Amino acid sequence: MTELYLLRHAHAGDRSTYDGLDATRPLSEKGERQSNRLGTFLASVGFVPDAIISSPKVRAYRTAELVALHLGLPVGIDPRLGEALEPEDLDAILTEAGDPARPVLVGHDPDFSELAALLSGGSHLPMRKGAMLRIDIDRPLRAGVGTLRWLLPPDLL
């Protein structure tokens, strides 16, 4: 059984007001605070993932970096987390990462909301910026066989 954690990047401001490439859009001050609060919370409850793997896009990587700092873990990068994912893609990412039992994957929407709904058999599972969820699922990953254990919205922290 894999405890799969999906973390949507924290607040990055309004895309339409950023002049650079989408991949280089940074976190806003609010996003920095969200990421630090989440990292502090996870450390305070003794959360210890096996791996933290992020999209290479700046806002996702910075979210992962700040959370990982509180947990004392390094952050890996996988470019596939910056794109739409199918269960097979995600399974390949986990295999290449050494088959972690408690991975935290940091990425984007609508990709993560759609993936979470697909894996858990739901029709709609929206993830707000800075939200983290846990799905328990056996591998190989398949649609509809995971169990959503919790969804932590950023407002709760």
Protein backbone atom coordinates (compact mmCIF):
# COMPACT_ATOMS: atom_id res chain seq x y z
CA MET A 1 0.00 0.00 0.00
CA THR A 2 1.32 3.43 -0.96
CA GLU A 3 0.37 6.54 0.98
CA LEU A 4 0.34 8.97 -1.93
CA TYR A 5 0.48 12.66 -1.04
CA LEU A 6 -0.35 15.26 -3.66
CA LEU A 7 0.53 18.86 -2.89
CA ARG A 8 -0.66 21.60 -5.21
CA HIS A 9 1.78 24.49 -5.36
CA ALA A 10 0.98 27.42 -3.09
CA HIS A 11 -0.37 30.80 -4.18
CA ALA A 12 1.55 32.31 -7.09
CA GLY A 13 -0.49 35.40 -7.82
CA ASP A 14 -2.40 36.23 -10.95
CA ARG A 15 -1.01 34.58 -14.07
CA SER A 16 -2.23 37.46 -16.25
CA THR A 17 -0.09 39.99 -14.38
CA TYR A 18 3.15 38.01 -14.73
CA ASP A 19 5.23 38.99 -17.76
CA GLY A 20 7.62 36.04 -17.82
CA LEU A 21 7.29 32.44 -18.90
CA ASP A 22 4.68 30.47 -16.99
CA ALA A 23 7.35 27.98 -15.85
CA THR A 24 9.26 30.79 -14.09
CA ARG A 25 6.29 32.32 -12.25
CA PRO A 26 7.26 32.51 -8.56
CA LEU A 27 5.23 32.13 -5.41
CA SER A 28 3.61 35.26 -4.05
CA GLU A 29 4.28 36.37 -0.48
CA LYS A 30 1.04 34.62 0.41
CA GLY A 31 2.34 31.43 -1.23
CA GLU A 32 5.60 31.64 0.72
CA ARG A 33 3.59 31.93 3.96
CA GLN A 34 1.29 29.04 2.96
CA SER A 35 4.27 26.79 2.22
CA ASN A 36 6.03 27.64 5.48
CA ARG A 37 2.85 27.08 7.50
CA LEU A 38 2.32 23.69 5.87
CA GLY A 39 5.93 22.67 6.49
CA THR A 40 5.73 23.79 10.12
CA PHE A 41 2.48 21.89 10.62
CA LEU A 42 3.74 18.68 9.00
CA ALA A 43 6.92 18.76 11.09
CA SER A 44 4.91 19.38 14.27
CA VAL A 45 2.81 16.24 13.72
CA GLY A 46 5.86 14.10 12.96
CA PHE A 47 5.11 13.64 9.26
CA VAL A 48 8.01 11.85 7.56
CA PRO A 49 7.62 11.12 3.85
CA ASP A 50 10.04 8.86 1.97
CA ALA A 51 10.50 11.32 -0.88
CA ILE A 52 9.48 14.78 -2.03
CA ILE A 53 9.36 15.12 -5.80
CA SER A 54 8.39 18.33 -7.56
CA SER A 55 7.53 19.75 -10.91
CA PRO A 56 10.44 21.85 -12.17
CA LYS A 57 8.22 24.93 -12.48
CA VAL A 58 9.42 27.60 -10.05
CA ARG A 59 6.21 27.95 -8.03
CA ALA A 60 5.95 24.18 -7.43
CA TYR A 61 9.64 23.70 -6.70
CA ARG A 62 9.64 26.60 -4.21
CA THR A 63 6.58 25.14 -2.47
CA ALA A 64 8.36 21.78 -2.21
CA GLU A 65 11.60 23.42 -1.08
CA LEU A 66 9.95 25.32 1.78
CA VAL A 67 7.98 22.29 3.00
CA ALA A 68 11.07 20.05 2.71
CA LEU A 69 13.15 22.53 4.69
CA HIS A 70 10.90 22.00 7.72
CA LEU A 71 11.05 18.22 7.26
CA GLY A 72 14.81 18.05 6.70
CA LEU A 73 14.48 16.35 3.32
CA PRO A 74 15.86 16.97 -0.16
CA VAL A 75 13.59 17.69 -3.12
CA GLY A 76 13.77 15.70 -6.34
CA ILE A 77 12.54 17.04 -9.65
CA ASP A 78 10.55 15.25 -12.32
CA PRO A 79 9.43 17.21 -15.39
CA ARG A 80 6.36 14.99 -15.81
CA LEU A 81 4.87 16.60 -12.70
CA GLY A 82 4.60 19.82 -14.66
CA GLU A 83 2.15 18.26 -17.11
CA ALA A 84 -1.12 16.33 -17.16
CA LEU A 85 -0.63 12.87 -15.66
CA GLU A 86 -2.17 9.47 -16.12
CA PRO A 87 -1.83 6.78 -13.43
CA GLU A 88 0.81 5.02 -15.57
CA ASP A 89 2.92 8.20 -15.68
CA LEU A 90 2.70 8.59 -11.94
CA ASP A 91 3.57 4.93 -11.41
CA ALA A 92 6.68 5.39 -13.58
CA ILE A 93 7.71 8.44 -11.55
CA LEU A 94 7.41 6.43 -8.33
CA THR A 95 9.31 3.46 -9.77
CA GLU A 96 12.16 5.69 -10.92
CA ALA A 97 12.23 7.32 -7.45
CA GLY A 98 12.87 3.93 -5.82
CA ASP A 99 9.26 2.98 -4.98
CA PRO A 100 8.73 5.22 -1.94
CA ALA A 101 5.90 4.14 0.34
CA ARG A 102 5.05 7.73 1.42
CA PRO A 103 5.89 10.08 -1.46
CA VAL A 104 4.90 13.73 -1.61
CA LEU A 105 4.44 14.91 -5.19
CA VAL A 106 4.24 18.65 -5.81
CA GLY A 107 2.53 19.92 -8.92
CA HIS A 108 -0.25 21.88 -10.54
CA ASP A 109 -3.91 22.12 -11.37
CA PRO A 110 -6.07 21.13 -13.04
CA ASP A 111 -3.72 18.12 -13.27
CA PHE A 112 -3.67 17.18 -9.58
CA SER A 113 -7.41 17.67 -9.00
CA GLU A 114 -8.17 15.50 -12.01
CA LEU A 115 -5.62 12.86 -10.99
CA ALA A 116 -6.91 12.75 -7.39
CA ALA A 117 -10.49 12.29 -8.60
CA LEU A 118 -9.43 9.62 -11.09
CA LEU A 119 -7.41 7.60 -8.57
CA SER A 120 -10.05 7.80 -5.84
CA GLY A 121 -13.00 7.15 -8.13
CA GLY A 122 -14.57 10.54 -7.59
CA SER A 123 -16.08 12.71 -10.27
CA HIS A 124 -14.66 15.99 -8.94
CA LEU A 125 -12.01 16.64 -6.29
CA PRO A 126 -10.83 20.25 -6.40
CA MET A 127 -7.51 21.16 -4.81
CA ARG A 128 -6.94 24.79 -3.93
CA LYS A 129 -3.49 26.34 -4.20
CA GLY A 130 -1.44 25.07 -1.26
CA ALA A 131 -3.76 22.11 -0.57
CA MET A 132 -2.39 18.66 0.24
CA LEU A 133 -4.18 15.34 0.17
CA ARG A 134 -3.51 11.71 0.92
CA ILE A 135 -4.74 8.78 -1.13
CA ASP A 136 -4.00 5.22 -0.05
CA ILE A 137 -3.55 3.06 -3.11
CA ASP A 138 -1.99 -0.20 -4.21
CA ARG A 139 0.45 -0.28 -7.09
CA PRO A 140 0.42 -0.44 -9.99
CA LEU A 141 -1.73 2.67 -9.84
CA ARG A 142 -5.13 2.36 -11.45
CA ALA A 143 -8.19 4.53 -11.74
CA GLY A 144 -10.83 4.20 -9.05
CA VAL A 145 -8.98 1.95 -6.60
CA GLY A 146 -7.50 4.54 -4.22
CA THR A 147 -9.06 5.72 -0.99
CA LEU A 148 -9.01 9.42 -0.16
CA ARG A 149 -7.90 9.60 3.48
CA TRP A 150 -7.78 13.38 3.88
CA LEU A 151 -7.61 16.72 2.12
CA LEU A 152 -5.91 19.57 3.96
CA PRO A 153 -6.93 22.98 2.60
CA PRO A 154 -4.47 25.85 3.13
CA ASP A 155 -7.06 27.88 5.09
CA LEU A 156 -7.05 25.30 7.87
CA LEU A 157 -3.49 26.18 8.78
